[in-house]
């Protein structure tokens, strides 16, 4: 399909795994992505969504911090 990419093509483009792209599609984080049968079609101009995971370590050892109070 012209103007669309597959999950593997997008994963290579964004340097992440195909499973992460698949999860983003199913959660609706990639606008314009649609599913045709078992295959996701992602627009070529789609931008990578912001990764919402916490990487600061803010929640590391949260139980110990809580016990100090």
N, C-alpha and C. Protein backbone atom coordinates (compact mmCIF):
# COMPACT_ATOMS: atom_id res chain seq x y z
N UNK A 1 0.85 -1.18 0.00
CA UNK A 1 0.00 0.00 0.00
C UNK A 1 0.89 1.24 0.00
N UNK A 2 0.60 2.11 -0.89
CA UNK A 2 1.40 3.31 -1.04
C UNK A 2 1.09 4.32 0.06
N UNK A 3 2.13 4.90 0.63
CA UNK A 3 1.95 5.88 1.69
C UNK A 3 1.91 5.29 3.08
N UNK A 4 2.02 3.97 3.20
CA UNK A 4 1.98 3.31 4.50
C UNK A 4 3.19 2.41 4.67
N UNK A 5 3.55 2.17 5.92
CA UNK A 5 4.66 1.29 6.26
C UNK A 5 4.17 0.16 7.14
N UNK A 6 4.93 -0.93 7.17
CA UNK A 6 4.60 -2.06 8.04
C UNK A 6 5.24 -1.83 9.42
N UNK A 7 4.89 -2.68 10.34
CA UNK A 7 5.45 -2.58 11.69
C UNK A 7 6.97 -2.74 11.66
N UNK A 8 7.46 -3.71 10.90
CA UNK A 8 8.91 -3.93 10.84
C UNK A 8 9.65 -2.75 10.23
N UNK A 9 9.08 -2.12 9.23
CA UNK A 9 9.72 -0.96 8.61
C UNK A 9 9.77 0.22 9.58
N UNK A 10 8.70 0.44 10.31
CA UNK A 10 8.66 1.52 11.29
C UNK A 10 9.62 1.23 12.44
N UNK A 11 9.68 -0.02 12.88
CA UNK A 11 10.58 -0.40 13.97
C UNK A 11 12.03 -0.13 13.58
N UNK A 12 12.39 -0.44 12.36
CA UNK A 12 13.75 -0.18 11.89
C UNK A 12 14.01 1.32 11.78
N UNK A 13 13.01 2.06 11.32
CA UNK A 13 13.13 3.51 11.16
C UNK A 13 13.32 4.20 12.51
N UNK A 14 12.56 3.75 13.53
CA UNK A 14 12.60 4.37 14.85
C UNK A 14 13.61 3.72 15.78
N UNK A 15 14.26 2.65 15.33
CA UNK A 15 15.27 1.93 16.12
C UNK A 15 14.68 1.36 17.42
N UNK A 16 13.51 0.73 17.31
CA UNK A 16 12.89 0.03 18.44
C UNK A 16 12.41 -1.32 17.93
N UNK A 17 11.87 -2.14 18.82
CA UNK A 17 11.41 -3.46 18.40
C UNK A 17 10.03 -3.38 17.75
N UNK A 18 9.72 -4.38 16.96
CA UNK A 18 8.43 -4.45 16.31
C UNK A 18 7.30 -4.58 17.31
N UNK A 19 7.55 -5.27 18.40
CA UNK A 19 6.53 -5.45 19.44
C UNK A 19 6.16 -4.11 20.08
N UNK A 20 7.14 -3.22 20.26
CA UNK A 20 6.84 -1.91 20.82
C UNK A 20 5.95 -1.10 19.87
N UNK A 21 6.23 -1.18 18.58
CA UNK A 21 5.42 -0.49 17.59
C UNK A 21 4.01 -1.07 17.58
N UNK A 22 3.91 -2.38 17.64
CA UNK A 22 2.60 -3.05 17.67
C UNK A 22 1.79 -2.61 18.88
N UNK A 23 2.43 -2.50 20.02
CA UNK A 23 1.76 -2.07 21.25
C UNK A 23 1.29 -0.62 21.14
N UNK A 24 2.14 0.23 20.55
CA UNK A 24 1.76 1.63 20.35
C UNK A 24 0.55 1.75 19.44
N UNK A 25 0.51 0.93 18.41
CA UNK A 25 -0.64 0.94 17.48
C UNK A 25 -1.91 0.50 18.20
N UNK A 26 -1.83 -0.56 18.95
CA UNK A 26 -3.03 -1.08 19.62
C UNK A 26 -3.53 -0.14 20.71
N UNK A 27 -2.63 0.64 21.30
CA UNK A 27 -3.02 1.60 22.34
C UNK A 27 -3.47 2.94 21.75
N UNK A 28 -3.36 3.09 20.43
CA UNK A 28 -3.81 4.31 19.77
C UNK A 28 -2.83 5.47 19.87
N UNK A 29 -1.57 5.16 20.13
CA UNK A 29 -0.57 6.22 20.29
C UNK A 29 -0.01 6.72 18.97
N UNK A 30 -0.24 5.98 17.89
CA UNK A 30 0.23 6.41 16.58
C UNK A 30 -0.99 6.83 15.76
N UNK A 31 -1.15 8.14 15.54
CA UNK A 31 -2.32 8.61 14.80
C UNK A 31 -2.28 8.14 13.35
N UNK A 32 -3.41 7.72 12.86
CA UNK A 32 -3.52 7.28 11.48
C UNK A 32 -3.22 5.82 11.25
N UNK A 33 -2.74 5.11 12.27
CA UNK A 33 -2.45 3.68 12.13
C UNK A 33 -3.77 2.91 12.11
N UNK A 34 -3.89 2.01 11.16
CA UNK A 34 -5.11 1.22 11.07
C UNK A 34 -4.75 -0.23 10.80
N UNK A 35 -5.64 -1.11 11.19
CA UNK A 35 -5.39 -2.53 11.08
C UNK A 35 -6.23 -3.11 9.95
N UNK A 36 -5.57 -3.87 9.07
CA UNK A 36 -6.24 -4.56 7.98
C UNK A 36 -6.03 -6.04 8.19
N UNK A 37 -7.03 -6.70 8.75
CA UNK A 37 -6.89 -8.12 9.08
C UNK A 37 -5.94 -8.27 10.25
N UNK A 38 -4.78 -8.87 9.98
CA UNK A 38 -3.77 -9.07 11.04
C UNK A 38 -2.58 -8.12 10.89
N UNK A 39 -2.64 -7.22 9.93
CA UNK A 39 -1.50 -6.36 9.60
C UNK A 39 -1.81 -4.90 9.91
N UNK A 40 -0.88 -4.21 10.56
CA UNK A 40 -1.03 -2.79 10.83
C UNK A 40 -0.44 -2.00 9.67
N UNK A 41 -1.13 -0.94 9.28
CA UNK A 41 -0.65 0.00 8.26
C UNK A 41 -0.43 1.34 8.95
N UNK A 42 0.82 1.81 8.92
CA UNK A 42 1.20 3.03 9.61
C UNK A 42 1.60 4.08 8.56
N UNK A 43 1.05 5.28 8.63
CA UNK A 43 1.40 6.31 7.65
C UNK A 43 2.90 6.60 7.65
N UNK A 44 3.44 6.88 6.46
CA UNK A 44 4.87 7.15 6.33
C UNK A 44 5.30 8.37 7.13
N UNK A 45 4.42 9.36 7.24
CA UNK A 45 4.79 10.60 7.92
C UNK A 45 4.49 10.58 9.42
N UNK A 46 4.11 9.44 9.97
CA UNK A 46 3.82 9.33 11.40
C UNK A 46 5.10 9.55 12.20
N UNK A 47 4.97 10.32 13.27
CA UNK A 47 6.12 10.58 14.14
C UNK A 47 6.06 9.67 15.35
N UNK A 48 7.24 9.39 15.86
CA UNK A 48 7.34 8.49 17.02
C UNK A 48 6.73 9.16 18.25
N UNK A 49 5.83 8.48 18.94
CA UNK A 49 5.25 9.05 20.16
C UNK A 49 6.30 9.16 21.27
N UNK A 50 6.05 10.05 22.19
CA UNK A 50 6.95 10.24 23.32
C UNK A 50 6.87 9.03 24.23
N UNK A 51 8.03 8.56 24.67
CA UNK A 51 8.10 7.42 25.57
C UNK A 51 7.76 7.89 26.98
N UNK A 52 6.68 7.38 27.55
CA UNK A 52 6.21 7.85 28.84
C UNK A 52 6.79 7.13 30.04
N UNK A 53 7.75 6.23 29.79
CA UNK A 53 8.32 5.49 30.92
C UNK A 53 9.23 6.39 31.75
N UNK A 54 9.28 6.15 33.05
CA UNK A 54 10.13 6.92 33.95
C UNK A 54 11.54 6.33 33.91
N UNK A 55 12.50 7.14 33.53
CA UNK A 55 13.88 6.67 33.45
C UNK A 55 14.79 7.40 34.42
N UNK A 56 14.23 8.23 35.29
CA UNK A 56 15.03 9.02 36.20
C UNK A 56 15.44 8.24 37.44
N UNK A 57 14.79 7.13 37.70
CA UNK A 57 15.06 6.38 38.91
C UNK A 57 14.30 6.93 40.10
N UNK A 58 13.36 7.81 39.85
CA UNK A 58 12.59 8.46 40.90
C UNK A 58 11.85 7.45 41.77
N UNK A 59 11.39 6.35 41.18
CA UNK A 59 10.62 5.37 41.92
C UNK A 59 11.47 4.22 42.45
N UNK A 60 12.75 4.29 42.27
CA UNK A 60 13.64 3.24 42.76
C UNK A 60 13.68 3.28 44.29
N UNK A 61 13.53 2.14 44.91
CA UNK A 61 13.55 2.00 46.37
C UNK A 61 12.48 2.86 47.05
N UNK A 62 11.31 2.95 46.47
CA UNK A 62 10.26 3.79 47.03
C UNK A 62 9.76 3.28 48.37
N UNK A 63 9.88 1.98 48.62
CA UNK A 63 9.44 1.45 49.91
C UNK A 63 10.35 1.92 51.04
N UNK A 64 11.64 1.92 50.78
CA UNK A 64 12.60 2.38 51.79
C UNK A 64 12.39 3.86 52.10
N UNK A 65 12.13 4.65 51.08
CA UNK A 65 11.90 6.08 51.29
C UNK A 65 10.65 6.32 52.11
N UNK A 66 9.65 5.50 51.88
CA UNK A 66 8.37 5.66 52.57
C UNK A 66 8.53 5.32 54.06
N UNK A 67 9.35 4.34 54.40
CA UNK A 67 9.54 3.91 55.78
C UNK A 67 10.32 4.93 56.60
N UNK A 68 11.05 5.81 55.94
CA UNK A 68 11.87 6.78 56.66
C UNK A 68 11.04 7.85 57.35
N UNK A 69 9.81 8.08 56.88
CA UNK A 69 8.98 9.15 57.45
C UNK A 69 8.48 8.80 58.80
